[in-house]
Amino acid sequence: MAEGRGSHPGGILSLVDRLQDSEKRRALEADLINAGMRLRWFPAPDYTWGDLVAFVSGLDHSSASVRAELGEDAMWGLQEQLLALNADYLRILIWQRTPDGQKGRKFPKPIKRPGVDDGVDRKKIGGTTKVPAEELAKLLGV
């Protein structure tokens, strides 16, 4: 199979896969209609399969085809990521002025982003345990 960017099939083979999936086909038809074209026009003297491949390659993250391919992740482009980051930092700045923030308690949770682990299932790494000075010296070989 021909390879496109990354590990995704490229060109005509990718287009064939897309057209065989009914959900992705409907999404592509919607994108073409929004652009004033129809899938049934391909191939024709004015519209080649290569034109359709170029059309699909140029779709942005808000298109129906990209949403059908990536799901929720498609809606998070660079602007959305940066906006969420700014909101997270603003919440931290406000939290720092509260009694909880001054004592380092109840740190605000970031806005949930697709594809990013929220840390719920993560094991805690580190932490503090009081160790007597003599035991620490023995561990360090001092």
Protein backbone atom coordinates (compact mmCIF):
# COMPACT_ATOMS: atom_id res chain seq x y z
CA MET A 1 0.00 0.00 0.00
CA ALA A 2 1.31 3.47 -0.84
CA GLU A 3 2.20 5.48 2.19
CA GLY A 4 1.25 9.09 2.76
CA ARG A 5 2.32 11.37 5.55
CA GLY A 6 3.13 9.56 8.76
CA SER A 7 1.77 6.02 8.84
CA HIS A 8 -1.46 6.78 6.99
CA PRO A 9 -2.01 5.48 3.47
CA GLY A 10 -1.66 8.24 0.93
CA GLY A 11 -3.20 9.26 -2.36
CA ILE A 12 -5.70 7.17 -4.24
CA LEU A 13 -5.49 4.16 -1.88
CA SER A 14 -6.45 6.33 1.07
CA LEU A 15 -9.32 7.72 -0.97
CA VAL A 16 -10.55 4.21 -1.83
CA ASP A 17 -10.53 3.28 1.88
CA ARG A 18 -12.48 6.45 2.68
CA LEU A 19 -15.09 5.77 -0.02
CA GLN A 20 -15.64 2.19 1.18
CA ASP A 21 -16.54 3.37 4.71
CA SER A 22 -20.15 4.66 4.60
CA GLU A 23 -19.70 7.18 7.44
CA LYS A 24 -16.51 8.62 5.94
CA ARG A 25 -18.08 8.65 2.48
CA ARG A 26 -21.06 10.69 3.76
CA ALA A 27 -18.68 13.09 5.48
CA LEU A 28 -16.69 13.55 2.26
CA GLU A 29 -19.91 14.13 0.33
CA ALA A 30 -20.91 16.82 2.87
CA ASP A 31 -17.53 18.54 2.51
CA LEU A 32 -17.79 18.47 -1.28
CA ILE A 33 -21.33 19.91 -1.17
CA ASN A 34 -20.09 22.71 1.11
CA ALA A 35 -17.44 23.44 -1.54
CA GLY A 36 -20.03 23.44 -4.36
CA MET A 37 -19.02 20.06 -5.79
CA ARG A 38 -20.46 16.55 -5.83
CA LEU A 39 -18.76 13.19 -5.42
CA ARG A 40 -20.66 11.85 -8.44
CA TRP A 41 -18.74 14.34 -10.62
CA PHE A 42 -15.52 12.33 -10.13
CA PRO A 43 -13.80 11.30 -12.38
CA ALA A 44 -14.60 13.70 -15.21
CA PRO A 45 -12.58 15.88 -17.58
CA ASP A 46 -12.89 18.78 -15.13
CA TYR A 47 -12.45 16.71 -11.94
CA THR A 48 -9.84 13.95 -11.66
CA TRP A 49 -9.22 11.52 -8.82
CA GLY A 50 -6.06 13.50 -8.16
CA ASP A 51 -8.20 16.62 -7.67
CA LEU A 52 -10.28 14.74 -5.11
CA VAL A 53 -7.14 13.57 -3.29
CA ALA A 54 -5.91 17.19 -3.21
CA PHE A 55 -9.30 18.33 -1.91
CA VAL A 56 -9.24 15.80 0.94
CA SER A 57 -5.62 16.67 1.78
CA GLY A 58 -6.54 20.33 2.15
CA LEU A 59 -9.46 19.89 4.54
CA ASP A 60 -9.12 21.64 7.89
CA HIS A 61 -9.90 20.20 11.31
CA SER A 62 -13.47 21.54 11.30
CA SER A 63 -14.46 19.57 8.19
CA ALA A 64 -16.90 16.67 8.36
CA SER A 65 -14.27 14.30 6.90
CA VAL A 66 -11.67 15.10 9.53
CA ARG A 67 -14.27 14.83 12.31
CA ALA A 68 -15.35 11.42 10.95
CA GLU A 69 -11.71 10.28 10.88
CA LEU A 70 -10.49 11.66 14.22
CA GLY A 71 -13.66 12.03 16.28
CA GLU A 72 -13.44 14.42 19.22
CA ASP A 73 -9.72 15.00 18.65
CA ALA A 74 -10.48 16.80 15.38
CA MET A 75 -12.11 19.73 17.15
CA TRP A 76 -8.95 20.56 19.04
CA GLY A 77 -6.71 22.55 16.74
CA LEU A 78 -3.83 24.79 17.78
CA GLN A 79 -6.09 27.72 18.67
CA GLU A 80 -8.28 25.57 20.90
CA GLN A 81 -5.24 24.08 22.64
CA LEU A 82 -3.76 27.54 23.27
CA LEU A 83 -7.07 28.90 24.52
CA ALA A 84 -7.44 26.00 26.96
CA LEU A 85 -3.85 26.54 28.12
CA ASN A 86 -4.55 30.23 28.77
CA ALA A 87 -7.70 29.35 30.72
CA ASP A 88 -5.73 26.82 32.79
CA TYR A 89 -3.04 29.38 33.62
CA LEU A 90 -5.65 31.99 34.53
CA ARG A 91 -7.30 29.53 36.90
CA ILE A 92 -3.91 28.85 38.51
CA LEU A 93 -3.23 32.57 38.95
CA ILE A 94 -6.63 33.07 40.60
CA TRP A 95 -6.15 29.95 42.76
CA GLN A 96 -2.78 31.25 44.01
CA ARG A 97 -4.58 34.22 45.60
CA THR A 98 -6.96 31.98 47.59
CA PRO A 99 -6.26 30.49 51.03
CA ASP A 100 -6.04 27.03 49.42
CA GLY A 101 -3.54 28.30 46.87
CA GLN A 102 -1.38 29.93 49.52
CA LYS A 103 -1.20 26.61 51.34
CA GLY A 104 -0.77 24.56 48.15
CA ARG A 105 -4.08 22.71 48.51
CA LYS A 106 -6.79 21.87 45.97
CA PHE A 107 -4.78 22.69 42.86
CA PRO A 108 -7.19 23.50 40.00
CA LYS A 109 -7.70 20.77 37.43
CA PRO A 110 -6.89 21.65 33.82
CA ILE A 111 -9.54 21.71 31.12
CA LYS A 112 -9.96 18.18 29.77
CA ARG A 113 -8.36 17.79 26.36
CA PRO A 114 -8.89 14.91 23.95
CA GLY A 115 -6.06 12.43 23.88
CA VAL A 116 -4.55 13.72 27.13
CA ASP A 117 -4.61 11.56 30.26
CA ASP A 118 -6.30 13.31 33.18
CA GLY A 119 -4.11 11.43 35.67
CA VAL A 120 -6.89 9.55 37.43
CA ASP A 121 -5.35 6.11 36.84
CA ARG A 122 -1.78 7.31 37.17
CA LYS A 123 0.36 5.92 39.99
CA LYS A 124 1.80 8.51 42.32
CA ILE A 125 5.51 8.88 41.83
CA GLY A 126 7.62 10.46 44.49
CA GLY A 127 6.12 12.04 47.55
CA THR A 128 7.69 12.63 50.92
CA THR A 129 8.51 10.21 53.68
CA LYS A 130 10.30 11.25 56.83
CA VAL A 131 13.58 9.40 57.20
CA PRO A 132 15.76 9.75 60.31
CA ALA A 133 19.04 11.54 59.64
CA GLU A 134 21.09 8.47 60.66
CA GLU A 135 19.23 6.22 58.20
CA LEU A 136 19.62 8.79 55.42
CA ALA A 137 23.35 9.06 56.13
CA LYS A 138 23.62 5.26 55.98
CA LEU A 139 21.72 5.19 52.64
CA LEU A 140 23.99 7.87 51.20
CA GLY A 141 27.13 6.20 52.53
CA VAL A 142 28.15 9.20 54.61
